[in-house]
Amino acid sequence: MKLTEIKTGVKLELEVFNDYNEKIGPTFVSQFEHAIDEKTAVIYAPIFEGNIYPVRKGWRMNVYFLNEDSLYRFMAIVTGRKVKSNVALLLIELQEDIERIQRRQFFRFECTLPVKYRVVDFLQESEENKPPFVESVTKDISGGGVCIKIKDVIPAGSLIEGELELSRTRKIKFYGVVTRVSIREEDSVYTHEIGVLFKNIDKKHKEEIIKYIFAEQRKLRKKGLI
């Protein structure tokens, strides 16, 4: 899908990140105004608690929207702000292609699972040039990515090689891109967390993650916990 194909008035959900790639506030609600071209567009400035939230130039955002019952996502950078007819607007610039997301993949399931990861330069990097894996745990998982608790800061945009342990006999290997970095203020062990979007993962492994989420949900429902 192209930016120019998004219609005026389409509702948007925004995950906003500041200059330090820290997620700001909740997921904001916005609206698509119009596309200027294939790379730039105008959207409504988000409202939070009845006031316009002061999103700044240079901040990054993940933008989600529905089109014909399909969920789409793209990353953008705020390039400016303006007011038109007393309406606060943001100018945004597309940073990657708009991708379609299956809803079941988008659902995030909170769970603590063993995971190990390391930062690599590219997918086919030779093993001898790679750093050792770091062991950690997840905060949540979905068919589209994983949130990992970490002790050190990893910059957004980094490429991650990882292995997720669904059980002792089910280990999922993947490559992903760090799309957000957040501070865990009340955690003295894991001081940060990273949201990782899967970029290279076997389709069967992705289906295994989704099946795992559904199975765990059923267990919680039987126990009356959800």
Protein backbone atom coordinates (compact mmCIF):
# COMPACT_ATOMS: atom_id res chain seq x y z
CA MET A 1 0.00 0.00 0.00
CA LYS A 2 1.18 3.55 -0.75
CA LEU A 3 0.96 6.65 1.42
CA THR A 4 -1.10 8.40 -1.26
CA GLU A 5 -3.72 5.62 -1.05
CA ILE A 6 -4.63 6.44 2.55
CA LYS A 7 -7.86 8.41 2.61
CA THR A 8 -8.47 11.66 4.47
CA GLY A 9 -10.11 10.99 7.83
CA VAL A 10 -8.63 7.53 8.41
CA LYS A 11 -8.09 6.98 12.15
CA LEU A 12 -4.49 6.43 13.25
CA GLU A 13 -2.82 5.01 16.34
CA LEU A 14 0.61 6.43 17.13
CA GLU A 15 3.47 5.04 19.20
CA VAL A 16 5.71 8.08 19.72
CA PHE A 17 9.42 8.00 20.63
CA ASN A 18 11.56 10.95 21.74
CA ASP A 19 15.15 11.92 20.82
CA TYR A 20 16.44 9.15 23.10
CA ASN A 21 14.21 6.54 21.40
CA GLU A 22 12.14 6.23 24.58
CA LYS A 23 8.42 5.61 24.13
CA ILE A 24 6.39 8.66 25.17
CA GLY A 25 3.08 8.24 26.97
CA PRO A 26 0.35 5.83 25.84
CA THR A 27 -0.61 4.95 22.29
CA PHE A 28 -2.08 8.18 20.90
CA VAL A 29 -5.07 8.57 18.61
CA SER A 30 -4.76 10.73 15.50
CA GLN A 31 -6.26 11.15 12.04
CA PHE A 32 -4.86 11.20 8.52
CA GLU A 33 -5.24 14.58 6.80
CA HIS A 34 -3.61 14.09 3.39
CA ALA A 35 -0.52 12.82 1.60
CA ILE A 36 1.75 15.40 -0.02
CA ASP A 37 3.57 12.76 -2.02
CA GLU A 38 4.69 9.12 -1.68
CA LYS A 39 7.02 9.94 1.23
CA THR A 40 5.39 12.80 3.15
CA ALA A 41 1.98 13.40 4.70
CA VAL A 42 0.02 15.59 7.09
CA ILE A 43 -1.74 14.13 10.14
CA TYR A 44 -3.59 15.61 13.12
CA ALA A 45 -1.50 16.29 16.22
CA PRO A 46 -2.51 13.76 18.91
CA ILE A 47 -4.75 14.78 21.81
CA PHE A 48 -3.95 13.60 25.33
CA GLU A 49 -6.24 14.30 28.31
CA GLY A 50 -8.05 17.02 26.36
CA ASN A 51 -4.89 18.84 25.25
CA ILE A 52 -2.68 18.73 22.18
CA TYR A 53 0.37 16.62 23.00
CA PRO A 54 3.61 18.50 22.18
CA VAL A 55 5.17 16.09 19.69
CA ARG A 56 8.49 17.57 18.57
CA LYS A 57 10.27 17.76 15.25
CA GLY A 58 12.65 14.83 14.83
CA TRP A 59 10.66 12.43 17.00
CA ARG A 60 9.93 9.01 15.53
CA MET A 61 6.58 7.24 15.50
CA ASN A 62 5.08 3.91 14.57
CA VAL A 63 1.77 4.56 12.78
CA TYR A 64 -1.01 1.94 12.68
CA PHE A 65 -4.26 2.15 10.72
CA LEU A 66 -7.04 -0.02 9.31
CA ASN A 67 -7.95 -0.25 5.65
CA GLU A 68 -10.69 -2.61 4.46
CA ASP A 69 -10.44 -4.64 7.69
CA SER A 70 -6.66 -5.08 7.32
CA LEU A 71 -4.15 -3.61 9.76
CA TYR A 72 -1.18 -1.65 8.38
CA ARG A 73 1.93 -0.18 9.95
CA PHE A 74 4.74 2.19 8.98
CA MET A 75 7.52 4.14 10.70
CA ALA A 76 7.76 7.91 10.23
CA ILE A 77 9.74 10.91 11.45
CA VAL A 78 8.08 14.18 12.45
CA THR A 79 9.50 16.87 10.16
CA GLY A 80 7.38 19.86 11.20
CA ARG A 81 4.28 21.29 12.85
CA LYS A 82 1.67 23.73 11.60
CA VAL A 83 -1.83 25.03 12.29
CA LYS A 84 -4.58 25.14 9.68
CA SER A 85 -8.08 26.51 10.47
CA ASN A 86 -7.25 26.28 14.20
CA VAL A 87 -6.32 22.59 13.83
CA ALA A 88 -2.85 21.48 14.97
CA LEU A 89 -1.13 19.30 12.38
CA LEU A 90 2.09 17.33 12.06
CA LEU A 91 4.20 16.86 8.94
CA ILE A 92 5.64 13.34 8.79
CA GLU A 93 8.10 11.60 6.51
CA LEU A 94 7.86 7.89 5.74
CA GLN A 95 10.96 5.92 6.81
CA GLU A 96 10.03 2.50 5.45
CA ASP A 97 7.45 0.80 3.27
CA ILE A 98 3.92 0.45 4.63
CA GLU A 99 3.40 -3.17 5.66
CA ARG A 100 0.26 -5.18 6.24
CA ILE A 101 0.02 -6.89 9.63
CA GLN A 102 -2.22 -9.84 10.40
CA ARG A 103 -4.23 -9.01 13.51
CA ARG A 104 -3.38 -12.26 15.23
CA GLN A 105 0.31 -11.45 14.71
CA PHE A 106 -0.14 -7.98 16.17
CA PHE A 107 -1.65 -9.16 19.48
CA ARG A 108 0.89 -8.92 22.29
CA PHE A 109 0.89 -11.60 24.99
CA GLU A 110 2.64 -10.72 28.24
CA CYS A 111 4.91 -13.55 29.35
CA THR A 112 8.35 -14.21 30.76
CA LEU A 113 10.29 -16.57 28.52
CA PRO A 114 14.04 -17.22 28.22
CA VAL A 115 15.57 -15.46 25.24
CA LYS A 116 19.12 -14.85 24.13
CA TYR A 117 20.22 -12.17 21.71
CA ARG A 118 23.17 -10.38 20.20
CA VAL A 119 23.65 -7.34 17.99
CA VAL A 120 24.94 -8.13 14.49
CA ASP A 121 25.83 -6.01 11.48
CA PHE A 122 23.99 -8.03 8.85
CA LEU A 123 22.07 -11.30 8.40
CA GLN A 124 24.79 -13.47 6.91
CA GLU A 125 27.65 -12.28 9.10
CA SER A 126 30.18 -15.06 9.75
CA GLU A 127 29.96 -16.73 13.14
CA GLU A 128 33.52 -15.81 14.10
CA ASN A 129 32.76 -12.09 13.79
CA LYS A 130 29.67 -12.20 15.98
CA PRO A 131 29.67 -11.30 19.71
CA PRO A 132 28.48 -13.88 22.24
CA PHE A 133 24.79 -14.19 23.00
CA VAL A 134 23.35 -12.35 26.01
CA GLU A 135 20.75 -14.25 28.04
CA SER A 136 17.61 -12.44 29.15
CA VAL A 137 13.81 -12.77 29.36
CA THR A 138 10.85 -11.45 27.42
CA LYS A 139 8.24 -8.94 28.53
CA ASP A 140 5.76 -9.92 25.81
CA ILE A 141 5.62 -11.66 22.45
CA SER A 142 3.49 -11.61 19.32
CA GLY A 143 3.57 -13.16 15.89
CA GLY A 144 5.24 -10.00 14.64
CA GLY A 145 7.92 -9.41 17.26
CA VAL A 146 9.13 -9.62 20.83
CA CYS A 147 9.82 -7.23 23.70
CA ILE A 148 13.05 -8.12 25.52
CA LYS A 149 14.20 -6.87 28.92
CA ILE A 150 17.85 -5.79 28.79
CA LYS A 151 20.54 -4.51 31.15
CA ASP A 152 22.37 -2.30 28.64
CA VAL A 153 21.12 0.19 26.05
CA ILE A 154 20.81 -0.97 22.44
CA PRO A 155 20.12 1.80 19.90
CA ALA A 156 16.92 1.75 17.87
CA GLY A 157 17.56 0.48 14.36
CA SER A 158 20.02 -2.18 15.52
CA LEU A 159 19.82 -5.64 13.96
CA ILE A 160 19.31 -8.41 16.51
CA GLU A 161 19.93 -12.13 16.17
CA GLY A 162 17.97 -14.04 18.77
CA GLU A 163 16.67 -17.36 20.02
CA LEU A 164 13.37 -17.53 21.89
CA GLU A 165 12.69 -20.55 24.13
CA LEU A 166 8.98 -21.43 24.08
CA SER A 167 9.80 -24.65 25.95
CA ARG A 168 12.84 -26.84 26.53
CA THR A 169 12.28 -28.51 23.17
CA ARG A 170 10.90 -25.54 21.18
CA LYS A 171 13.45 -22.86 20.36
CA ILE A 172 12.68 -20.14 17.81
CA LYS A 173 15.56 -18.49 15.94
CA PHE A 174 15.04 -15.07 14.41
CA TYR A 175 16.54 -11.83 13.18
CA GLY A 176 14.80 -8.60 14.06
CA VAL A 177 15.16 -4.83 14.10
CA VAL A 178 14.98 -2.79 17.31
CA THR A 179 12.07 -0.37 16.76
CA ARG A 180 11.90 1.14 20.24
CA VAL A 181 13.90 1.45 23.46
CA SER A 182 12.26 2.22 26.81
CA ILE A 183 13.52 2.76 30.36
CA ARG A 184 12.31 0.42 33.11
CA GLU A 185 12.41 2.85 36.01
CA GLU A 186 11.31 0.44 38.77
CA ASP A 187 13.48 -2.49 37.69
CA SER A 188 16.94 -2.62 39.25
CA VAL A 189 18.04 -5.63 37.17
CA TYR A 190 16.71 -4.95 33.68
CA THR A 191 17.02 -1.19 33.27
CA HIS A 192 15.68 -1.06 29.69
CA GLU A 193 13.49 -2.96 27.28
CA ILE A 194 13.58 -3.17 23.49
CA GLY A 195 10.76 -3.80 21.06
CA VAL A 196 12.05 -6.04 18.26
CA LEU A 197 10.21 -6.42 14.95
CA PHE A 198 10.85 -9.76 13.24
CA LYS A 199 12.58 -9.28 9.89
CA ASN A 200 13.87 -12.78 9.15
CA ILE A 201 12.08 -15.71 10.77
CA ASP A 202 10.89 -19.05 9.46
CA LYS A 203 7.15 -18.99 8.70
CA LYS A 204 6.68 -22.22 10.68
CA HIS A 205 8.38 -20.64 13.69
CA LYS A 206 6.10 -17.60 13.48
CA GLU A 207 3.08 -19.93 13.45
CA GLU A 208 4.51 -21.74 16.49
CA ILE A 209 4.62 -18.46 18.40
CA ILE A 210 0.99 -17.72 17.51
CA LYS A 211 -0.10 -21.25 18.52
CA TYR A 212 1.78 -20.86 21.80
CA ILE A 213 -0.02 -17.58 22.54
CA PHE A 214 -3.43 -19.10 21.82
CA ALA A 215 -2.67 -22.16 23.96
CA GLU A 216 -1.51 -20.06 26.91
CA GLN A 217 -4.62 -17.88 26.62
CA ARG A 218 -6.83 -20.95 26.79
CA LYS A 219 -5.04 -22.09 29.96
CA LEU A 220 -5.58 -18.68 31.59
CA ARG A 221 -9.27 -18.65 30.61
CA LYS A 222 -9.80 -22.09 32.18
CA LYS A 223 -8.25 -20.77 35.39
CA GLY A 224 -10.48 -17.69 35.23
CA LEU A 225 -7.51 -15.34 35.03
CA ILE A 226 -8.64 -13.61 31.83
